[in-house]
Amino acid sequence: MRLRQLSLLAGAVFGVAVTVPAQALEFRSVDTASILYDAPSQKGTRLFVIRRGTPVELVVSLEGWAKVRDADGGLAWIEKKNLVERRTLIVTAARASVRQSADESAPLVFEAEKGVALEFVEAAAAGWARVRHADGQSGFVRANQVWGL
């Protein structure tokens, strides 16, 4: 009898776990060039410096610290004070084509090379995002050419 109760309990817990919706990804941008650490402390090992404007995915948030994931999938800790909610995207394709409208046949506004950070303006038609370059040019880029959405 006890085994049956445990089995029913496990089934109920599994059923709840399956029905819980996945959390939406939460992105931030690095506000100023910052040191990334292997632990949530300045006493942790310094891993490298991340440049201003780089998008990061917020994975864990603790008092004063955030564990973040970068476009390459690397995880590290950063002081929260160095993150802002302003969104940026980073070009992951060799060259991203930014167009006048969310259409592959639309005129080309500019191209951005891999590693260039673009300001995220808004989500556009399925598979597209409206972006702005630091020089002020704006347009639409395919979502599969950038990271941070």
Protein backbone atom coordinates (compact mmCIF):
# COMPACT_ATOMS: atom_id res chain seq x y z
CA MET A 1 0.00 0.00 0.00
CA ARG A 2 2.80 2.42 0.89
CA LEU A 3 4.46 1.89 -2.52
CA ARG A 4 1.19 2.75 -4.27
CA GLN A 5 0.89 6.03 -2.29
CA LEU A 6 4.47 6.98 -3.19
CA SER A 7 3.78 6.14 -6.83
CA LEU A 8 0.64 8.32 -6.85
CA LEU A 9 2.52 11.14 -5.12
CA ALA A 10 5.38 10.96 -7.62
CA GLY A 11 2.86 11.00 -10.47
CA ALA A 12 1.13 14.05 -9.01
CA VAL A 13 4.43 15.89 -8.56
CA PHE A 14 5.51 14.97 -12.09
CA GLY A 15 2.16 16.14 -13.44
CA VAL A 16 2.56 19.50 -11.73
CA ALA A 17 6.12 19.87 -13.00
CA VAL A 18 5.01 19.19 -16.55
CA THR A 19 2.17 21.73 -16.43
CA VAL A 20 4.27 24.58 -15.02
CA PRO A 21 5.01 26.97 -17.88
CA ALA A 22 8.62 27.64 -18.76
CA GLN A 23 9.91 31.04 -17.70
CA ALA A 24 10.52 33.58 -20.41
CA LEU A 25 14.14 34.45 -21.07
CA GLU A 26 15.20 37.68 -19.40
CA PHE A 27 17.89 39.77 -21.06
CA ARG A 28 19.91 42.77 -19.90
CA SER A 29 22.76 44.78 -21.37
CA VAL A 30 26.10 45.58 -19.81
CA ASP A 31 26.13 49.31 -18.98
CA THR A 32 29.88 49.74 -18.60
CA ALA A 33 32.88 47.51 -19.27
CA SER A 34 32.79 45.09 -16.34
CA ILE A 35 34.67 42.20 -14.82
CA LEU A 36 33.00 38.79 -14.88
CA TYR A 37 33.70 36.44 -11.97
CA ASP A 38 33.38 32.70 -11.32
CA ALA A 39 31.44 33.39 -8.09
CA PRO A 40 29.15 36.15 -6.77
CA SER A 41 31.95 38.00 -5.00
CA GLN A 42 34.82 40.32 -5.84
CA LYS A 43 36.96 37.72 -4.07
CA GLY A 44 36.07 35.22 -6.81
CA THR A 45 38.37 34.50 -9.73
CA ARG A 46 38.27 37.21 -12.38
CA LEU A 47 37.39 35.56 -15.67
CA PHE A 48 37.45 38.42 -18.19
CA VAL A 49 36.14 41.89 -18.95
CA ILE A 50 32.87 42.14 -20.86
CA ARG A 51 32.40 45.22 -23.00
CA ARG A 52 29.72 47.88 -22.69
CA GLY A 53 26.56 47.19 -24.68
CA THR A 54 26.92 43.40 -24.66
CA PRO A 55 23.61 41.57 -24.21
CA VAL A 56 23.44 38.89 -21.51
CA GLU A 57 20.73 36.51 -20.38
CA LEU A 58 19.88 36.82 -16.68
CA VAL A 59 20.01 33.31 -15.21
CA VAL A 60 20.14 33.89 -11.43
CA SER A 61 19.71 37.06 -9.44
CA LEU A 62 21.12 37.49 -5.94
CA GLU A 63 21.53 40.58 -3.81
CA GLY A 64 23.99 42.75 -5.72
CA TRP A 65 25.00 40.00 -8.18
CA ALA A 66 23.62 38.34 -11.31
CA LYS A 67 24.64 35.10 -12.96
CA VAL A 68 24.52 35.70 -16.70
CA ARG A 69 24.90 33.74 -19.92
CA ASP A 70 26.58 35.27 -22.97
CA ALA A 71 25.98 34.60 -26.67
CA ASP A 72 28.53 31.75 -26.61
CA GLY A 73 26.71 30.03 -23.73
CA GLY A 74 29.32 30.92 -21.10
CA LEU A 75 28.13 31.51 -17.53
CA ALA A 76 29.64 34.02 -15.12
CA TRP A 77 28.77 36.43 -12.33
CA ILE A 78 28.55 40.22 -12.71
CA GLU A 79 27.68 42.96 -10.26
CA LYS A 80 24.05 43.96 -10.86
CA LYS A 81 24.94 47.64 -10.82
CA ASN A 82 26.68 47.07 -14.19
CA LEU A 83 23.50 45.85 -15.93
CA VAL A 84 20.67 47.88 -17.45
CA GLU A 85 17.27 46.87 -18.79
CA ARG A 86 17.96 48.58 -22.12
CA ARG A 87 18.15 45.72 -24.59
CA THR A 88 20.85 45.09 -27.13
CA LEU A 89 21.40 42.25 -29.56
CA ILE A 90 24.73 40.92 -30.76
CA VAL A 91 25.32 39.82 -34.34
CA THR A 92 26.12 36.10 -34.47
CA ALA A 93 26.11 35.66 -38.25
CA ALA A 94 29.26 36.44 -40.23
CA ARG A 95 27.32 39.43 -41.64
CA ALA A 96 23.80 40.47 -40.67
CA SER A 97 21.69 42.27 -43.26
CA VAL A 98 19.61 45.10 -41.82
CA ARG A 99 16.72 45.96 -44.13
CA GLN A 100 14.19 48.80 -44.48
CA SER A 101 11.30 46.50 -43.58
CA ALA A 102 10.82 43.02 -42.16
CA ASP A 103 11.09 41.39 -45.56
CA GLU A 104 14.01 39.57 -47.17
CA SER A 105 13.41 41.45 -50.44
CA ALA A 106 13.35 44.91 -48.76
CA PRO A 107 16.20 47.29 -49.60
CA LEU A 108 19.38 46.88 -47.53
CA VAL A 109 20.02 49.69 -45.04
CA PHE A 110 23.38 48.41 -43.76
CA GLU A 111 25.28 45.27 -42.84
CA ALA A 112 26.73 44.52 -39.43
CA GLU A 113 29.63 42.15 -38.85
CA LYS A 114 29.77 39.38 -36.26
CA GLY A 115 30.18 40.73 -32.74
CA VAL A 116 28.56 44.13 -33.39
CA ALA A 117 26.02 45.15 -30.75
CA LEU A 118 22.73 46.63 -32.00
CA GLU A 119 20.08 48.35 -29.89
CA PHE A 120 16.86 46.29 -29.79
CA VAL A 121 13.94 48.58 -30.64
CA GLU A 122 11.05 46.11 -30.88
CA ALA A 123 9.97 42.71 -32.06
CA ALA A 124 8.66 42.84 -35.61
CA ALA A 125 7.06 40.33 -37.95
CA ALA A 126 7.72 36.70 -37.07
CA GLY A 127 11.45 36.05 -37.20
CA TRP A 128 12.45 39.74 -37.37
CA ALA A 129 13.51 42.47 -34.93
CA ARG A 130 13.75 46.21 -35.39
CA VAL A 131 17.23 47.43 -34.40
CA ARG A 132 19.31 50.61 -34.30
CA HIS A 133 23.05 50.90 -34.85
CA ALA A 134 25.16 53.20 -32.64
CA ASP A 135 25.53 55.57 -35.61
CA GLY A 136 21.74 56.06 -35.72
CA GLN A 137 20.85 53.89 -38.72
CA SER A 138 17.91 51.58 -38.07
CA GLY A 139 16.09 48.76 -39.77
CA PHE A 140 15.03 45.15 -39.46
CA VAL A 141 17.24 42.10 -38.94
CA ARG A 142 16.42 38.40 -39.09
CA ALA A 143 16.26 36.89 -35.61
CA ASN A 144 18.54 34.03 -36.68
CA GLN A 145 21.39 36.51 -37.35
CA VAL A 146 21.49 37.93 -33.80
CA TRP A 147 21.44 36.79 -30.17
CA GLY A 148 19.58 38.35 -27.28
CA LEU A 149 15.91 37.94 -28.21
